[in-house]
Every structure is written in C-alpha cells, then in structure tokens.
C-alpha cells in the first residue's frame, strides 16, 4: 500500500510532467514544483512516463510532434534562403521527429513457427495440414540443401512494426 510520502512524491512528479508539457524548461519546472534542480524535476517526470502504459504515451507523442512541427515551420523560410544555422536546426528537428515516431528503427526480429503457419493456411484452404507440411518440406529440401540435413521448425524473419 502506498504511503502518504510516496503518494505526495508521485503527485509532485505528475505536476512536473504537466508543467514540462505546458512548455516550461526544466529549471522553471523545478522551481514551480519544489524540486532542487532541473535534473531532479526531469527524473521525477521521467519516472511517471516510464510507468505509463505504452498506449497512454500517444497523446504525449502527438503533442511533441506538434511542437516539433511548429519549430520547423518557424525556421523553414530561413532554410529555403540557405541559412546554414536554420538548416542545421531543421535537420535536428527532423531527426528528433524520426526518433519520436520510431522511423529510424530497424524491423524487429521475430521468430515464426513456419510449420504452424503452413498448417494454419492449409486448414483455411481446406488442405490436409500434414500433406501441406510434407510438401513444403520437400520443396525446401529440393531448393535449399541445408534443409535436407535438418528440419528447422522456426526461422528468423524481418517483421515491420
């Protein structure tokens, strides 16, 4: 059961997060919420974020994305005139947006039970699952010599998320 102190700490951290989301810098958040430094306010707010279910961060991502877009819009005309500083800032904003949205992540590795998948598709198509697996294995053995030596049941596959 949470103690009164822990409840108060979580409430202060929640207020720090809300203050930051309203646009305050970390030092201002610290002064407003009673943290000793901007770093302490940051740590409190991040503790709240880490404990949020992933789907609850969607609104935060949208808000941060809107802020990044506003910053980029403010610099865009200068970029188009060739201002090197503005170009550098916009590239950094674009990099941050890509990280926020996960655009730079490689596809996740996922193990796929190929035999199970062949059985599922065979059943959906009204084909005997045992015959489908045997046929698939024979085709693989004809085309991939390594399959003749072993019968792997799982393969690594790149799956886009």
C-alpha atoms as a PDB file:
ATOM      1  CA  UNK A   1       0.000   0.000   0.000  1.00  0.00           C
ATOM      2  CA  UNK A   2       1.450   3.372  -0.962  1.00  0.00           C
ATOM      3  CA  UNK A   3       2.478   5.602   1.890  1.00  0.00           C
ATOM      4  CA  UNK A   4       1.451   9.246   2.108  1.00  0.00           C
ATOM      5  CA  UNK A   5       5.018  10.257   1.230  1.00  0.00           C
ATOM      6  CA  UNK A   6       5.055   8.141  -1.936  1.00  0.00           C
ATOM      7  CA  UNK A   7       1.685   9.496  -2.983  1.00  0.00           C
ATOM      8  CA  UNK A   8       2.973  13.063  -2.491  1.00  0.00           C
ATOM      9  CA  UNK A   9       6.147  12.269  -4.491  1.00  0.00           C
ATOM     10  CA  UNK A  10       4.138  10.829  -7.367  1.00  0.00           C
ATOM     11  CA  UNK A  11       1.812  13.817  -7.335  1.00  0.00           C
ATOM     12  CA  UNK A  12       4.785  16.221  -7.462  1.00  0.00           C
ATOM     13  CA  UNK A  13       6.303  14.231 -10.332  1.00  0.00           C
ATOM     14  CA  UNK A  14       2.960  14.295 -12.166  1.00  0.00           C
ATOM     15  CA  UNK A  15       2.782  18.086 -11.717  1.00  0.00           C
ATOM     16  CA  UNK A  16       6.351  18.358 -13.019  1.00  0.00           C
ATOM     17  CA  UNK A  17       5.419  16.379 -16.122  1.00  0.00           C
ATOM     18  CA  UNK A  18       2.359  18.549 -16.724  1.00  0.00           C
ATOM     19  CA  UNK A  19       4.438  21.717 -16.296  1.00  0.00           C
ATOM     20  CA  UNK A  20       7.005  20.462 -18.785  1.00  0.00           C
ATOM     21  CA  UNK A  21       4.274  19.550 -21.262  1.00  0.00           C
ATOM     22  CA  UNK A  22       2.914  23.081 -20.948  1.00  0.00           C
ATOM     23  CA  UNK A  23       6.230  24.311 -22.326  1.00  0.00           C
ATOM     24  CA  UNK A  24       8.315  25.226 -19.272  1.00  0.00           C
ATOM     25  CA  UNK A  25      12.027  24.478 -19.206  1.00  0.00           C
ATOM     26  CA  UNK A  26      13.285  22.030 -16.545  1.00  0.00           C
ATOM     27  CA  UNK A  27      14.599  24.750 -14.206  1.00  0.00           C
ATOM     28  CA  UNK A  28      11.218  26.500 -14.234  1.00  0.00           C
ATOM     29  CA  UNK A  29       9.501  23.165 -13.627  1.00  0.00           C
ATOM     30  CA  UNK A  30      11.805  22.575 -10.633  1.00  0.00           C
ATOM     31  CA  UNK A  31      11.049  25.987  -9.121  1.00  0.00           C
ATOM     32  CA  UNK A  32       7.307  25.527  -9.654  1.00  0.00           C
ATOM     33  CA  UNK A  33       7.135  22.021  -8.175  1.00  0.00           C
ATOM     34  CA  UNK A  34       9.755  22.272  -5.412  1.00  0.00           C
ATOM     35  CA  UNK A  35      12.489  20.108  -6.922  1.00  0.00           C
ATOM     36  CA  UNK A  36      16.077  21.090  -6.060  1.00  0.00           C
ATOM     37  CA  UNK A  37      17.195  21.239  -9.702  1.00  0.00           C
ATOM     38  CA  UNK A  38      16.068  20.857 -13.277  1.00  0.00           C
ATOM     39  CA  UNK A  39      17.660  17.404 -13.325  1.00  0.00           C
ATOM     40  CA  UNK A  40      15.654  16.301 -10.293  1.00  0.00           C
ATOM     41  CA  UNK A  41      12.447  17.560 -11.925  1.00  0.00           C
ATOM     42  CA  UNK A  42      13.374  15.693 -15.101  1.00  0.00           C
ATOM     43  CA  UNK A  43      13.993  12.459 -13.166  1.00  0.00           C
ATOM     44  CA  UNK A  44      10.650  12.750 -11.383  1.00  0.00           C
ATOM     45  CA  UNK A  45       8.736  13.386 -14.597  1.00  0.00           C
ATOM     46  CA  UNK A  46      10.520  10.554 -16.431  1.00  0.00           C
ATOM     47  CA  UNK A  47       9.638   8.147 -13.621  1.00  0.00           C
ATOM     48  CA  UNK A  48       5.978   8.929 -14.273  1.00  0.00           C
ATOM     49  CA  UNK A  49       6.418   8.434 -18.027  1.00  0.00           C
ATOM     50  CA  UNK A  50       8.223   5.108 -17.588  1.00  0.00           C
ATOM     51  CA  UNK A  51       5.316   3.769 -15.566  1.00  0.00           C
ATOM     52  CA  UNK A  52       2.677   4.783 -18.104  1.00  0.00           C
ATOM     53  CA  UNK A  53       1.357   2.021 -20.315  1.00  0.00           C
ATOM     54  CA  UNK A  54       2.734   2.469 -23.849  1.00  0.00           C
ATOM     55  CA  UNK A  55      -0.657   3.407 -25.273  1.00  0.00           C
ATOM     56  CA  UNK A  56      -1.023   6.275 -22.753  1.00  0.00           C
ATOM     57  CA  UNK A  57       2.002   7.999 -24.269  1.00  0.00           C
ATOM     58  CA  UNK A  58       0.168   8.534 -27.562  1.00  0.00           C
ATOM     59  CA  UNK A  59      -1.111  11.978 -26.572  1.00  0.00           C
ATOM     60  CA  UNK A  60       2.390  12.967 -25.459  1.00  0.00           C
ATOM     61  CA  UNK A  61       3.803  11.879 -28.816  1.00  0.00           C
ATOM     62  CA  UNK A  62       1.179  13.919 -30.644  1.00  0.00           C
ATOM     63  CA  UNK A  63       1.935  16.990 -28.521  1.00  0.00           C
ATOM     64  CA  UNK A  64       5.692  16.643 -29.033  1.00  0.00           C
ATOM     65  CA  UNK A  65       5.146  16.099 -32.761  1.00  0.00           C
ATOM     66  CA  UNK A  66       3.081  19.301 -32.950  1.00  0.00           C
ATOM     67  CA  UNK A  67       5.805  21.226 -31.130  1.00  0.00           C
ATOM     68  CA  UNK A  68       8.453  19.906 -33.496  1.00  0.00           C
ATOM     69  CA  UNK A  69       6.310  20.903 -36.475  1.00  0.00           C
ATOM     70  CA  UNK A  70       5.842  24.423 -35.079  1.00  0.00           C
ATOM     71  CA  UNK A  71       9.601  24.786 -34.596  1.00  0.00           C
ATOM     72  CA  UNK A  72      10.270  23.534 -38.107  1.00  0.00           C
ATOM     73  CA  UNK A  73       7.653  25.875 -39.578  1.00  0.00           C
ATOM     74  CA  UNK A  74       9.273  28.835 -37.811  1.00  0.00           C
ATOM     75  CA  UNK A  75      12.638  28.063 -39.410  1.00  0.00           C
ATOM     76  CA  UNK A  76      11.530  26.879 -42.840  1.00  0.00           C
ATOM     77  CA  UNK A  77      11.722  30.194 -44.736  1.00  0.00           C
ATOM     78  CA  UNK A  78      15.248  30.758 -43.442  1.00  0.00           C
ATOM     79  CA  UNK A  79      16.183  27.248 -44.619  1.00  0.00           C
ATOM     80  CA  UNK A  80      14.867  27.945 -48.087  1.00  0.00           C
ATOM     81  CA  UNK A  81      17.014  31.101 -48.225  1.00  0.00           C
ATOM     82  CA  UNK A  82      20.090  28.986 -47.450  1.00  0.00           C
ATOM     83  CA  UNK A  83      20.646  29.951 -43.793  1.00  0.00           C
ATOM     84  CA  UNK A  84      23.050  27.227 -42.683  1.00  0.00           C
ATOM     85  CA  UNK A  85      22.177  27.570 -38.985  1.00  0.00           C
ATOM     86  CA  UNK A  86      18.450  27.179 -39.741  1.00  0.00           C
ATOM     87  CA  UNK A  87      19.160  24.191 -41.994  1.00  0.00           C
ATOM     88  CA  UNK A  88      21.145  22.557 -39.191  1.00  0.00           C
ATOM     89  CA  UNK A  89      18.330  23.183 -36.680  1.00  0.00           C
ATOM     90  CA  UNK A  90      15.669  21.799 -39.045  1.00  0.00           C
ATOM     91  CA  UNK A  91      17.746  18.669 -39.648  1.00  0.00           C
ATOM     92  CA  UNK A  92      17.992  18.174 -35.882  1.00  0.00           C
ATOM     93  CA  UNK A  93      14.233  18.685 -35.534  1.00  0.00           C
ATOM     94  CA  UNK A  94      13.636  16.132 -38.304  1.00  0.00           C
ATOM     95  CA  UNK A  95      15.993  13.688 -36.585  1.00  0.00           C
ATOM     96  CA  UNK A  96      14.130  14.137 -33.293  1.00  0.00           C
ATOM     97  CA  UNK A  97      10.784  13.568 -35.032  1.00  0.00           C
ATOM     98  CA  UNK A  98      12.092  10.375 -36.636  1.00  0.00           C
ATOM     99  CA  UNK A  99      13.197   9.105 -33.210  1.00  0.00           C
ATOM    100  CA  UNK A 100       9.881  10.111 -31.617  1.00  0.00           C
ATOM    101  CA  UNK A 101       7.900   8.255 -34.261  1.00  0.00           C
ATOM    102  CA  UNK A 102      10.300   5.314 -34.473  1.00  0.00           C
ATOM    103  CA  UNK A 103      11.040   5.922 -38.145  1.00  0.00           C
ATOM    104  CA  UNK A 104      14.729   5.030 -37.766  1.00  0.00           C
ATOM    105  CA  UNK A 105      14.172   1.696 -36.040  1.00  0.00           C
ATOM    106  CA  UNK A 106      15.161  -1.402 -37.981  1.00  0.00           C
ATOM    107  CA  UNK A 107      12.425  -4.006 -38.382  1.00  0.00           C
ATOM    108  CA  UNK A 108      12.145  -6.181 -35.307  1.00  0.00           C
ATOM    109  CA  UNK A 109      13.363  -9.751 -35.421  1.00  0.00           C
ATOM    110  CA  UNK A 110      10.587 -12.201 -34.780  1.00  0.00           C
ATOM    111  CA  UNK A 111      10.634 -15.979 -34.669  1.00  0.00           C
ATOM    112  CA  UNK A 112       7.996 -17.576 -36.842  1.00  0.00           C
ATOM    113  CA  UNK A 113       6.980 -21.188 -36.493  1.00  0.00           C
ATOM    114  CA  UNK A 114       6.824 -21.978 -40.184  1.00  0.00           C
ATOM    115  CA  UNK A 115       5.309 -25.420 -39.687  1.00  0.00           C
ATOM    116  CA  UNK A 116       2.472 -23.960 -37.605  1.00  0.00           C
ATOM    117  CA  UNK A 117       1.878 -21.242 -40.182  1.00  0.00           C
ATOM    118  CA  UNK A 118       1.749 -23.778 -43.043  1.00  0.00           C
ATOM    119  CA  UNK A 119      -0.763 -25.840 -41.034  1.00  0.00           C
ATOM    120  CA  UNK A 120      -2.937 -22.773 -40.379  1.00  0.00           C
ATOM    121  CA  UNK A 121      -3.030 -21.755 -44.032  1.00  0.00           C
ATOM    122  CA  UNK A 122      -3.679 -25.358 -45.133  1.00  0.00           C
ATOM    123  CA  UNK A 123      -6.653 -25.622 -42.758  1.00  0.00           C
ATOM    124  CA  UNK A 124      -8.034 -22.293 -44.025  1.00  0.00           C
ATOM    125  CA  UNK A 125      -7.763 -23.548 -47.598  1.00  0.00           C
ATOM    126  CA  UNK A 126      -9.269 -26.974 -46.802  1.00  0.00           C
ATOM    127  CA  UNK A 127      -5.994 -28.853 -47.403  1.00  0.00           C
ATOM    128  CA  UNK A 128      -4.724 -31.677 -45.190  1.00  0.00           C
ATOM    129  CA  UNK A 129      -2.178 -29.910 -42.888  1.00  0.00           C
ATOM    130  CA  UNK A 130       0.162 -32.950 -42.752  1.00  0.00           C
ATOM    131  CA  UNK A 131       0.331 -33.148 -46.542  1.00  0.00           C
ATOM    132  CA  UNK A 132       0.920 -29.369 -46.787  1.00  0.00           C
ATOM    133  CA  UNK A 133       3.844 -29.526 -44.301  1.00  0.00           C
ATOM    134  CA  UNK A 134       5.367 -32.558 -46.026  1.00  0.00           C
ATOM    135  CA  UNK A 135       5.070 -30.884 -49.432  1.00  0.00           C
ATOM    136  CA  UNK A 136       6.613 -27.640 -48.173  1.00  0.00           C
ATOM    137  CA  UNK A 137       9.494 -29.528 -46.566  1.00  0.00           C
ATOM    138  CA  UNK A 138      10.118 -31.470 -49.790  1.00  0.00           C
ATOM    139  CA  UNK A 139      10.143 -28.214 -51.792  1.00  0.00           C
ATOM    140  CA  UNK A 140      12.609 -26.670 -49.363  1.00  0.00           C
ATOM    141  CA  UNK A 141      14.862 -29.719 -49.465  1.00  0.00           C
ATOM    142  CA  UNK A 142      14.941 -29.547 -53.266  1.00  0.00           C
ATOM    143  CA  UNK A 143      15.829 -25.845 -53.292  1.00  0.00           C
ATOM    144  CA  UNK A 144      17.811 -25.348 -50.068  1.00  0.00           C
ATOM    145  CA  UNK A 145      20.339 -28.133 -49.397  1.00  0.00           C
ATOM    146  CA  UNK A 146      20.666 -27.195 -45.705  1.00  0.00           C
ATOM    147  CA  UNK A 147      17.055 -28.289 -45.184  1.00  0.00           C
ATOM    148  CA  UNK A 148      17.983 -31.814 -46.242  1.00  0.00           C
ATOM    149  CA  UNK A 149      20.185 -32.115 -43.141  1.00  0.00           C
ATOM    150  CA  UNK A 150      17.834 -30.666 -40.546  1.00  0.00           C
ATOM    151  CA  UNK A 151      14.180 -29.894 -40.111  1.00  0.00           C
ATOM    152  CA  UNK A 152      14.052 -26.402 -38.536  1.00  0.00           C
ATOM    153  CA  UNK A 153      10.669 -25.503 -37.182  1.00  0.00           C
ATOM    154  CA  UNK A 154      11.339 -21.799 -36.711  1.00  0.00           C
ATOM    155  CA  UNK A 155      13.002 -19.227 -38.884  1.00  0.00           C
ATOM    156  CA  UNK A 156      14.135 -15.663 -38.292  1.00  0.00           C
ATOM    157  CA  UNK A 157      12.023 -13.180 -40.193  1.00  0.00           C
ATOM    158  CA  UNK A 158      12.045  -9.406 -40.512  1.00  0.00           C
ATOM    159  CA  UNK A 159       8.652  -8.093 -39.479  1.00  0.00           C
ATOM    160  CA  UNK A 160       7.799  -4.424 -39.950  1.00  0.00           C
ATOM    161  CA  UNK A 161       6.149  -2.883 -36.908  1.00  0.00           C
END
